[in-house]
N, C-alpha and C. Protein backbone atom coordinates (compact mmCIF):
# COMPACT_ATOMS: atom_id res chain seq x y z
N MET A 1 1.09 -1.06 -0.21
CA MET A 1 0.15 0.16 0.01
C MET A 1 0.96 1.06 0.12
N ASN A 2 0.47 2.00 -0.79
CA ASN A 2 1.44 3.49 -1.29
C ASN A 2 0.86 4.38 0.08
N GLN A 3 1.76 4.76 1.03
CA GLN A 3 1.13 5.96 1.95
C GLN A 3 2.20 6.97 1.39
N GLN A 4 1.49 7.92 1.48
CA GLN A 4 2.09 9.50 1.62
C GLN A 4 2.50 10.09 2.59
N ARG A 5 3.34 10.05 2.70
CA ARG A 5 4.01 11.06 4.01
C ARG A 5 2.73 12.86 4.05
N PRO A 6 2.72 13.12 4.81
CA PRO A 6 2.18 14.70 5.01
C PRO A 6 3.12 15.63 5.03
N ASN A 7 2.30 16.38 4.01
CA ASN A 7 3.28 17.53 3.98
C ASN A 7 3.43 18.15 5.17
N PRO A 8 4.60 18.78 5.13
CA PRO A 8 5.11 19.54 6.37
C PRO A 8 4.61 20.89 7.00
N SER A 9 3.78 21.47 5.76
CA SER A 9 3.47 22.71 6.36
C SER A 9 1.92 22.43 6.55
N VAL A 10 1.11 21.18 6.04
CA VAL A 10 0.00 20.94 6.18
C VAL A 10 -0.16 20.57 8.00
N LYS A 11 0.82 19.61 7.84
CA LYS A 11 0.77 19.33 9.23
C LYS A 11 1.27 20.13 10.25
N ALA A 12 1.89 21.15 9.97
CA ALA A 12 1.94 22.34 10.96
C ALA A 12 0.66 23.42 10.71
N LEU A 13 0.04 23.27 10.07
CA LEU A 13 -0.99 24.20 10.05
C LEU A 13 -2.12 23.59 10.72
N GLY A 14 -2.39 22.36 10.72
CA GLY A 14 -3.32 21.36 11.55
C GLY A 14 -2.76 21.28 12.70
N SER A 15 -1.55 21.33 13.22
CA SER A 15 -1.47 21.30 14.64
C SER A 15 -1.85 22.52 15.23
N PHE A 16 -1.14 23.97 14.52
CA PHE A 16 -1.98 25.23 15.06
C PHE A 16 -3.17 25.38 15.29
N ILE A 17 -4.04 24.93 14.03
CA ILE A 17 -5.32 24.80 14.39
C ILE A 17 -5.77 24.24 15.43
N PHE A 18 -5.19 23.39 16.05
CA PHE A 18 -5.56 22.35 17.30
C PHE A 18 -5.05 22.99 17.93
N LEU A 19 -4.23 23.56 17.93
CA LEU A 19 -3.33 24.20 19.73
C LEU A 19 -4.41 25.51 19.56
N SER A 20 -5.30 26.02 18.83
CA SER A 20 -5.71 27.31 18.90
C SER A 20 -6.69 27.19 19.90
N ARG A 21 -7.23 25.82 20.37
CA ARG A 21 -8.41 25.44 21.35
C ARG A 21 -8.51 26.02 22.71
N TRP A 22 -6.93 26.54 22.72
CA TRP A 22 -6.35 26.65 24.24
C TRP A 22 -6.76 28.05 24.47
N LEU A 23 -6.94 28.77 23.25
CA LEU A 23 -7.74 30.47 23.39
C LEU A 23 -8.78 30.29 24.41
N GLN A 24 -9.45 29.22 24.31
CA GLN A 24 -10.50 29.19 25.30
C GLN A 24 -10.35 29.24 26.62
N ALA A 25 -9.37 28.60 27.09
CA ALA A 25 -9.04 28.43 28.39
C ALA A 25 -9.27 29.75 29.35
N PRO A 26 -8.77 31.41 28.78
CA PRO A 26 -8.98 32.32 29.47
C PRO A 26 -10.71 32.47 30.22
N LEU A 27 -11.39 32.01 28.79
CA LEU A 27 -12.92 32.43 28.89
C LEU A 27 -13.46 31.44 29.90
N TYR A 28 -12.71 30.20 30.07
CA TYR A 28 -13.46 29.52 31.40
C TYR A 28 -13.00 29.89 32.75
N VAL A 29 -11.76 30.43 32.70
CA VAL A 29 -11.50 30.99 33.91
C VAL A 29 -12.40 32.19 34.38
N GLY A 30 -12.77 33.06 32.99
CA GLY A 30 -13.16 34.26 33.49
C GLY A 30 -14.48 34.00 34.09
N LEU A 31 -15.31 32.82 33.40
CA LEU A 31 -16.64 32.32 34.15
C LEU A 31 -16.09 31.70 35.27
N ILE A 32 -15.49 30.97 36.11
CA ILE A 32 -15.13 31.26 36.88
C ILE A 32 -15.19 32.38 38.42
N ALA A 33 -14.50 33.37 37.55
CA ALA A 33 -14.91 34.61 38.13
C ALA A 33 -15.93 34.78 38.37
N ALA A 34 -16.86 34.86 37.16
CA ALA A 34 -18.31 35.49 37.41
C ALA A 34 -18.74 34.52 38.36
N GLN A 35 -18.30 33.22 38.38
CA GLN A 35 -19.16 32.52 39.32
C GLN A 35 -18.84 32.85 40.93
N GLY A 36 -17.35 33.27 41.08
CA GLY A 36 -17.48 34.35 42.51
C GLY A 36 -18.21 35.07 43.01
N VAL A 37 -18.43 35.79 41.66
CA VAL A 37 -19.30 37.19 41.94
C VAL A 37 -21.05 36.48 42.34
N TYR A 38 -21.32 35.31 41.69
CA TYR A 38 -22.92 34.99 41.93
C TYR A 38 -22.55 34.58 43.72
N VAL A 39 -21.61 34.22 43.83
CA VAL A 39 -21.40 33.64 45.19
C VAL A 39 -21.31 34.64 46.24
N TYR A 40 -20.49 35.88 45.85
CA TYR A 40 -20.93 37.15 47.30
C TYR A 40 -22.61 37.51 46.65
N HIS A 41 -23.06 37.40 45.82
CA HIS A 41 -24.17 38.21 45.30
C HIS A 41 -25.30 37.11 46.35
N PHE A 42 -25.10 35.81 46.03
CA PHE A 42 -25.60 34.82 47.15
C PHE A 42 -25.66 35.11 48.61
N MET A 43 -24.41 35.48 49.09
CA MET A 43 -24.21 35.84 50.57
C MET A 43 -25.21 37.22 50.60
N LEU A 44 -24.77 38.40 50.09
CA LEU A 44 -25.53 39.18 50.35
C LEU A 44 -27.00 39.11 50.50
N GLU A 45 -27.73 38.36 49.88
CA GLU A 45 -28.85 37.95 49.80
C GLU A 45 -29.17 37.09 50.62
N LEU A 46 -28.60 36.28 51.10
CA LEU A 46 -28.42 35.26 52.50
C LEU A 46 -28.79 36.14 53.55
N ALA A 47 -27.50 36.88 53.93
CA ALA A 47 -27.55 37.92 54.92
C ALA A 47 -28.56 39.02 54.96
N HIS A 48 -29.22 39.58 53.94
CA HIS A 48 -30.34 40.16 53.84
C HIS A 48 -31.85 39.37 54.70
N LEU A 49 -31.51 37.88 54.21
CA LEU A 49 -33.04 37.25 54.64
C LEU A 49 -32.71 36.87 55.70
N ILE A 50 -31.62 36.33 56.48
CA ILE A 50 -31.22 36.53 58.23
C ILE A 50 -31.16 37.28 58.88
N MET A 51 -30.63 38.80 58.47
CA MET A 51 -31.30 39.68 59.08
C MET A 51 -32.23 40.49 59.12
N ASP A 52 -32.95 40.50 58.29
CA ASP A 52 -34.16 40.73 58.34
C ASP A 52 -35.56 39.91 58.42
N ALA A 53 -35.46 39.00 58.54
CA ALA A 53 -36.32 37.34 58.65
C ALA A 53 -37.50 38.25 59.37
N PRO A 54 -37.20 38.79 60.97
CA PRO A 54 -38.55 39.11 61.94
C PRO A 54 -39.47 39.96 61.22
N THR A 55 -38.69 41.10 60.05
CA THR A 55 -39.68 41.64 60.00
C THR A 55 -40.27 41.49 58.26
N LEU A 56 -39.95 40.32 57.52
CA LEU A 56 -40.26 40.03 56.56
C LEU A 56 -42.14 39.61 56.31
N THR A 57 -42.39 39.69 55.64
CA THR A 57 -43.75 38.96 55.22
C THR A 57 -43.38 37.42 54.68
N GLU A 58 -44.36 36.24 54.70
CA GLU A 58 -44.39 34.95 54.48
C GLU A 58 -43.77 35.25 52.96
N LYS A 59 -44.47 36.37 52.07
CA LYS A 59 -44.42 36.39 50.60
C LYS A 59 -42.82 37.04 50.00
N GLU A 60 -42.21 37.55 51.03
CA GLU A 60 -40.97 38.56 50.71
C GLU A 60 -40.07 37.67 51.04
N ILE A 61 -40.31 36.48 51.89
CA ILE A 61 -39.24 35.13 52.21
C ILE A 61 -39.31 34.29 51.15
N MET A 62 -40.28 34.26 50.55
CA MET A 62 -40.44 33.38 49.50
C MET A 62 -39.76 33.88 47.97
N LEU A 63 -39.76 35.40 47.72
CA LEU A 63 -39.27 35.79 46.82
C LEU A 63 -37.47 35.80 46.90
N ILE A 64 -37.17 35.86 48.55
CA ILE A 64 -35.77 36.15 48.58
C ILE A 64 -35.44 34.81 48.47
N VAL A 65 -36.07 33.70 49.04
CA VAL A 65 -35.66 32.16 48.69
C VAL A 65 -35.53 31.91 47.02
N LEU A 66 -36.39 32.43 46.50
CA LEU A 66 -36.43 32.09 45.03
C LEU A 66 -35.49 32.65 44.80
N ALA A 67 -34.92 34.07 44.47
CA ALA A 67 -33.56 34.79 44.22
C ALA A 67 -32.32 33.67 44.68
N LEU A 68 -32.32 33.25 45.79
CA LEU A 68 -31.30 32.62 45.64
C LEU A 68 -31.18 31.04 45.50
N ILE A 69 -32.48 30.54 44.89
CA ILE A 69 -32.57 29.26 44.43
C ILE A 69 -32.28 29.58 43.18
N ASP A 70 -32.63 31.22 42.37
CA ASP A 70 -31.86 31.61 40.89
C ASP A 70 -30.24 31.60 40.97
N VAL A 71 -29.96 31.95 41.71
CA VAL A 71 -28.56 32.18 41.78
C VAL A 71 -27.68 30.98 41.80
N VAL A 72 -28.43 30.01 42.50
CA VAL A 72 -27.83 28.44 42.62
C VAL A 72 -27.82 28.04 41.47
N MET A 73 -29.20 28.28 40.55
CA MET A 73 -29.26 27.39 39.35
C MET A 73 -28.25 27.72 38.38
N ILE A 74 -28.22 29.41 38.31
CA ILE A 74 -27.38 29.81 37.72
C ILE A 74 -25.66 29.69 37.58
N ALA A 75 -25.28 29.24 38.85
CA ALA A 75 -23.82 28.64 39.36
C ALA A 75 -23.92 27.07 38.79
N ASN A 76 -25.06 26.40 38.81
CA ASN A 76 -24.60 25.25 38.27
C ASN A 76 -24.77 25.13 37.08
N LEU A 77 -25.56 26.09 36.06
CA LEU A 77 -25.16 26.25 34.61
C LEU A 77 -23.81 26.83 34.56
N LEU A 78 -23.31 27.70 35.31
CA LEU A 78 -22.11 28.12 35.31
C LEU A 78 -20.75 26.52 35.18
N VAL A 79 -20.81 25.99 36.12
CA VAL A 79 -20.48 24.70 36.30
C VAL A 79 -20.29 23.82 35.32
N MET A 80 -21.88 23.56 34.67
CA MET A 80 -21.88 22.65 33.14
C MET A 80 -21.06 23.24 32.33
N VAL A 81 -21.39 24.43 32.00
CA VAL A 81 -20.43 24.99 31.15
C VAL A 81 -18.91 24.91 31.38
N ILE A 82 -18.44 25.36 32.62
CA ILE A 82 -16.87 25.44 32.77
C ILE A 82 -16.52 24.10 32.39
N VAL A 83 -16.93 22.98 33.27
CA VAL A 83 -16.44 21.74 33.12
C VAL A 83 -16.64 20.90 32.30
N GLY A 84 -17.81 21.10 31.61
CA GLY A 84 -18.41 20.33 30.29
C GLY A 84 -17.73 20.92 29.33
N GLY A 85 -17.83 22.54 29.02
CA GLY A 85 -16.89 22.62 27.91
C GLY A 85 -15.52 22.52 27.67
N TYR A 86 -14.82 23.23 28.35
CA TYR A 86 -13.41 22.96 29.06
C TYR A 86 -12.96 21.36 28.33
N GLU A 87 -13.93 20.06 29.00
CA GLU A 87 -13.82 19.35 28.46
C GLU A 87 -13.66 18.29 27.21
N THR A 88 -14.71 19.01 27.08
CA THR A 88 -15.19 19.11 25.47
C THR A 88 -14.60 19.75 24.25
N PHE A 89 -14.11 20.52 24.64
CA PHE A 89 -13.72 21.58 23.36
C PHE A 89 -12.21 22.11 23.86
N VAL A 90 -11.56 21.80 24.67
CA VAL A 90 -10.29 22.42 25.33
C VAL A 90 -9.02 21.40 25.61
N SER A 91 -9.34 20.46 26.63
CA SER A 91 -8.66 19.29 27.13
C SER A 91 -9.40 18.59 28.24
N ARG A 92 -8.99 17.13 28.55
CA ARG A 92 -9.60 16.14 29.03
C ARG A 92 -8.89 16.94 30.71
N LEU A 93 -10.02 16.65 31.75
CA LEU A 93 -9.63 17.07 32.94
C LEU A 93 -8.97 15.81 33.61
N ASN A 94 -9.41 14.60 32.92
CA ASN A 94 -8.30 13.64 33.76
C ASN A 94 -8.92 13.15 35.34
N LEU A 95 -10.33 13.35 35.66
CA LEU A 95 -10.73 13.34 37.15
C LEU A 95 -11.31 11.56 36.68
N ASP A 96 -10.91 10.63 36.22
CA ASP A 96 -10.96 9.03 36.48
C ASP A 96 -10.93 8.81 37.76
N ASN A 97 -11.58 8.07 38.05
CA ASN A 97 -12.08 7.52 39.60
C ASN A 97 -11.90 8.83 40.75
N HIS A 98 -11.81 9.92 40.35
CA HIS A 98 -12.06 10.78 41.33
C HIS A 98 -13.60 10.89 42.02
N PRO A 99 -13.49 10.78 43.28
CA PRO A 99 -14.64 10.76 43.99
C PRO A 99 -15.44 11.82 43.82
N ASP A 100 -15.25 13.00 43.34
CA ASP A 100 -16.60 14.08 43.35
C ASP A 100 -16.62 14.27 41.45
N GLN A 101 -15.96 13.52 40.67
CA GLN A 101 -16.39 13.33 39.57
C GLN A 101 -18.13 13.42 39.25
N PRO A 102 -18.23 14.44 38.54
CA PRO A 102 -19.93 14.19 38.26
C PRO A 102 -20.22 13.55 37.09
N GLU A 103 -21.48 12.71 37.39
CA GLU A 103 -21.81 11.75 36.65
C GLU A 103 -21.88 11.69 35.41
N TRP A 104 -22.48 13.22 35.04
CA TRP A 104 -22.63 13.43 33.49
C TRP A 104 -21.73 13.53 32.89
N LEU A 105 -20.53 13.84 33.75
CA LEU A 105 -19.08 14.28 32.77
C LEU A 105 -18.51 13.05 32.09
N SER A 106 -18.85 11.64 32.41
CA SER A 106 -18.15 10.65 31.76
C SER A 106 -18.79 10.61 30.57
N HIS A 107 -20.17 11.01 29.94
CA HIS A 107 -20.59 11.07 28.41
C HIS A 107 -20.94 12.13 28.06
N VAL A 108 -20.20 13.15 28.43
CA VAL A 108 -20.63 14.62 27.87
C VAL A 108 -20.03 14.79 26.49
N ASN A 109 -20.73 15.50 25.63
CA ASN A 109 -20.46 15.99 24.29
C ASN A 109 -21.11 17.34 24.09
N ALA A 110 -20.98 17.71 22.71
CA ALA A 110 -21.76 18.53 22.73
C ALA A 110 -23.09 18.83 22.69
N GLY A 111 -23.13 17.96 22.08
CA GLY A 111 -24.86 17.46 22.14
C GLY A 111 -25.83 17.55 23.37
N VAL A 112 -24.81 16.59 24.44
CA VAL A 112 -25.42 16.52 25.69
C VAL A 112 -25.52 17.79 26.40
N LEU A 113 -24.27 18.46 26.18
CA LEU A 113 -24.20 19.81 26.97
C LEU A 113 -24.99 20.86 26.86
N LYS A 114 -25.68 20.86 25.17
CA LYS A 114 -26.32 21.67 24.61
C LYS A 114 -27.85 21.31 25.38
N VAL A 115 -28.35 20.14 25.75
CA VAL A 115 -29.36 19.96 26.05
C VAL A 115 -29.57 20.11 27.59
N LYS A 116 -28.11 19.94 28.52
CA LYS A 116 -28.31 20.30 29.89
C LYS A 116 -28.09 21.95 29.77
N LEU A 117 -27.75 22.67 29.19
CA LEU A 117 -27.82 24.18 29.42
C LEU A 117 -29.32 24.28 29.11
N ALA A 118 -29.90 24.23 28.05
CA ALA A 118 -31.13 24.16 27.75
C ALA A 118 -32.43 24.12 28.79
N THR A 119 -32.35 22.49 29.30
CA THR A 119 -32.98 22.45 30.54
C THR A 119 -32.56 23.30 31.89
N ALA A 120 -31.36 23.62 32.03
CA ALA A 120 -30.97 24.49 33.21
C ALA A 120 -31.56 26.10 32.86
N LEU A 121 -31.62 26.58 31.46
CA LEU A 121 -32.29 27.74 31.36
C LEU A 121 -33.66 27.50 31.62
N ILE A 122 -34.40 26.34 31.05
CA ILE A 122 -36.07 26.23 31.60
C ILE A 122 -36.05 26.57 33.48
N GLY A 123 -35.04 26.17 34.03
CA GLY A 123 -35.54 25.92 35.27
C GLY A 123 -34.87 27.35 35.89
N ILE A 124 -34.04 28.34 35.31
CA ILE A 124 -33.89 29.54 35.71
C ILE A 124 -35.17 30.36 35.65
N SER A 125 -35.71 29.93 34.03
CA SER A 125 -36.97 30.92 33.67
C SER A 125 -37.73 30.48 34.67
N SER A 126 -37.99 29.55 34.81
CA SER A 126 -39.42 28.89 35.78
C SER A 126 -39.06 29.64 36.92
N ILE A 127 -38.01 29.47 37.59
CA ILE A 127 -38.07 30.87 38.82
C ILE A 127 -38.35 32.25 38.60
N ASN A 128 -37.76 32.14 37.56
CA ASN A 128 -38.22 34.11 37.30
C ASN A 128 -39.87 34.28 36.86
N LEU A 129 -40.56 33.77 36.35
CA LEU A 129 -41.64 33.51 35.94
C LEU A 129 -42.73 33.11 37.18
N LEU A 130 -41.92 32.18 38.02
CA LEU A 130 -42.96 31.99 39.31
C LEU A 130 -42.68 33.50 39.99
N GLN A 131 -41.64 34.03 40.16
CA GLN A 131 -41.91 35.27 41.10
C GLN A 131 -42.52 36.55 40.31
N THR A 132 -42.39 36.40 39.02
CA THR A 132 -43.33 37.35 38.50
C THR A 132 -44.91 37.03 39.02
N PHE A 133 -45.10 35.71 38.94
CA PHE A 133 -46.67 35.10 39.44
C PHE A 133 -46.59 36.17 40.79
N ILE A 134 -45.80 35.43 41.55
CA ILE A 134 -45.64 35.93 43.14
C ILE A 134 -46.14 37.53 43.10
N ASN A 135 -45.58 38.09 42.25
CA ASN A 135 -45.59 39.53 42.75
C ASN A 135 -46.94 40.12 41.62
N LEU A 136 -47.73 39.20 40.99
CA LEU A 136 -48.98 39.94 40.86
C LEU A 136 -49.82 40.18 41.74
N GLY A 137 -50.41 41.33 41.77
CA GLY A 137 -51.58 41.56 42.94
C GLY A 137 -50.61 42.22 44.13
N GLY A 138 -49.19 42.49 43.81
CA GLY A 138 -48.86 43.43 45.26
C GLY A 138 -48.67 44.15 45.10
N LYS A 139 -47.54 45.12 45.86
CA LYS A 139 -47.66 46.62 46.06
C LYS A 139 -47.31 47.19 44.58
N ASN A 140 -46.59 46.63 44.05
CA ASN A 140 -45.80 47.23 42.68
C ASN A 140 -46.72 46.55 41.62
N PRO A 141 -47.04 47.63 40.96
CA PRO A 141 -48.28 46.69 39.64
C PRO A 141 -47.26 45.99 38.67
N VAL A 142 -47.84 44.71 38.05
CA VAL A 142 -46.98 44.02 37.38
C VAL A 142 -47.45 44.26 35.63
N ASP A 143 -46.61 44.76 34.99
CA ASP A 143 -47.25 44.93 33.63
C ASP A 143 -47.58 43.80 32.83
N HIS A 144 -48.83 43.84 32.66
CA HIS A 144 -48.92 42.40 31.80
C HIS A 144 -48.61 41.95 30.77
N GLU A 145 -48.28 43.01 29.68
CA GLU A 145 -47.51 42.58 28.57
C GLU A 145 -46.17 42.12 28.89
N ASN A 146 -45.56 42.77 30.12
CA ASN A 146 -44.25 41.72 30.52
C ASN A 146 -44.44 40.61 30.69
N VAL A 147 -45.49 40.00 31.76
CA VAL A 147 -45.76 39.06 32.04
C VAL A 147 -45.80 38.06 30.69
N MET A 148 -46.70 38.74 29.69
CA MET A 148 -47.25 37.86 28.56
C MET A 148 -45.74 37.38 27.92
N TRP A 149 -44.74 38.62 27.69
CA TRP A 149 -43.49 38.31 27.23
C TRP A 149 -42.81 37.24 27.75
N GLN A 150 -42.80 37.16 29.40
CA GLN A 150 -42.02 36.39 29.84
C GLN A 150 -42.67 34.83 29.83
N VAL A 151 -43.72 34.60 29.68
CA VAL A 151 -44.25 33.25 29.37
C VAL A 151 -43.88 32.88 27.95
N LEU A 152 -43.63 33.79 27.04
CA LEU A 152 -43.70 33.24 25.84
C LEU A 152 -42.23 33.05 25.83
N VAL A 153 -41.21 33.97 26.18
CA VAL A 153 -39.93 33.66 26.53
C VAL A 153 -39.74 32.04 26.91
N HIS A 154 -40.56 32.05 28.19
CA HIS A 154 -40.44 30.64 28.69
C HIS A 154 -40.79 29.23 27.93
N LEU A 155 -42.03 29.37 27.31
CA LEU A 155 -42.21 28.63 26.35
C LEU A 155 -41.11 28.44 25.25
N THR A 156 -40.55 29.54 24.63
CA THR A 156 -39.41 29.43 23.54
C THR A 156 -38.37 28.34 24.23
N PHE A 157 -37.98 28.55 25.33
CA PHE A 157 -36.71 27.63 25.79
C PHE A 157 -37.43 26.52 26.06
N VAL A 158 -38.62 26.13 26.59
CA VAL A 158 -38.95 24.48 26.38
C VAL A 158 -39.13 23.96 25.14
N VAL A 159 -39.73 24.64 24.07
CA VAL A 159 -39.58 23.98 22.69
C VAL A 159 -38.16 23.92 22.24
N SER A 160 -37.09 24.81 22.35
CA SER A 160 -35.89 24.76 21.86
C SER A 160 -35.27 23.70 22.63
N ALA A 161 -35.64 23.55 23.99
CA ALA A 161 -34.75 22.32 24.70
C ALA A 161 -35.20 20.82 24.31
N LEU A 162 -36.59 21.12 23.89
CA LEU A 162 -37.39 19.82 23.50
C LEU A 162 -36.74 19.53 22.14
N MET A 163 -36.64 20.78 21.19
CA MET A 163 -36.00 20.44 19.46
C MET A 163 -34.63 19.98 19.40
N LEU A 164 -33.64 20.30 20.66
CA LEU A 164 -32.25 19.99 21.05
C LEU A 164 -32.00 18.85 21.37
N ALA A 165 -33.16 18.32 22.43
CA ALA A 165 -32.98 16.97 22.76
C ALA A 165 -33.44 15.72 21.95
N ILE A 166 -34.61 16.10 20.91
CA ILE A 166 -34.83 15.08 19.56
C ILE A 166 -33.83 15.47 18.76
N THR A 167 -33.20 16.25 18.60
CA THR A 167 -31.81 16.48 17.43
C THR A 167 -30.81 15.67 17.99
N ASP A 168 -30.16 15.82 19.17
CA ASP A 168 -29.27 14.74 20.06
C ASP A 168 -29.82 13.25 20.18
N ARG A 169 -31.10 12.81 19.98
CA ARG A 169 -31.77 11.53 20.27
C ARG A 169 -31.19 11.20 18.86
N ILE A 170 -31.60 11.73 17.57
CA ILE A 170 -31.90 11.11 16.52
C ILE A 170 -30.19 11.39 15.65
N SER A 171 -29.60 12.29 16.39
CA SER A 171 -28.34 12.04 15.68
C SER A 171 -27.34 11.22 16.25
N THR A 172 -27.51 10.41 17.69
CA THR A 172 -27.12 9.61 18.68
C THR A 172 -27.66 8.46 18.00
N LYS A 173 -28.98 7.94 17.79
CA LYS A 173 -29.25 6.90 16.83
C LYS A 173 -28.59 6.41 15.48
N THR A 174 -28.75 7.58 14.89
CA THR A 174 -27.98 7.63 13.67
C THR A 174 -26.30 7.34 13.53
N ALA A 175 -25.82 7.65 14.48
CA ALA A 175 -24.29 7.18 14.97
C ALA A 175 -24.09 5.90 15.45
N THR A 176 -25.26 5.67 16.30
CA THR A 176 -25.02 4.39 16.89
C THR A 176 -25.61 2.90 15.54
N GLU A 177 -26.42 3.50 14.83
CA GLU A 177 -26.55 2.49 13.80
C GLU A 177 -25.66 2.34 12.63
N ALA A 178 -24.81 3.48 12.19
CA ALA A 178 -23.60 3.91 11.66
C ALA A 178 -22.61 2.86 12.01
N ARG A 179 -22.23 2.74 13.18
CA ARG A 179 -20.95 2.20 14.09
C ARG A 179 -21.80 0.53 14.08
N ALA A 180 -23.10 0.20 13.78
CA ALA A 180 -23.38 -1.27 13.89
C ALA A 180 -23.67 -1.73 13.08
N HIS A 181 -23.15 -0.90 11.84
CA HIS A 181 -23.35 -1.81 10.21
C HIS A 181 -21.75 -1.79 9.78
N HIS A 182 -20.82 -1.24 10.43
CA HIS A 182 -19.30 -1.40 10.05
C HIS A 182 -18.76 -2.58 10.98
């Protein structure tokens, strides 16, 4: 069999292009810094809840707790993007057999990551929508057009996540069938 040696300049270009993935590393470090900001924000909200608890109504407590849950869900989203994105697009984390390795990381790929992110966005949108519904009829009047847009955006997230999941399932099934035929 006649095997040609790769052209050195083509091989160098390929290596350079592959090396360019490391340009994403500072982006993930930046997201870690953003997560630090969310931790700070969470602590401020928690201190507000604890300090003002005796004077807060049940509804106000519920809204603050929902805001805390919202921050946690956004932080979870950041972890998925940071860990999953780095593992998928930059370099392996080499966490095999680490007791704290997330279960989902062992089978993460771009499709799975998109579906997980879409699902997380639905959760975040749900919390925000719930906060809006709780505020209906409160001291500050809620713009009903704003509520309508929030519902439409939420439904868009739901439909988008569903379409991503269906697309991922079809592509996974197609890839599995292609491997089975070879």
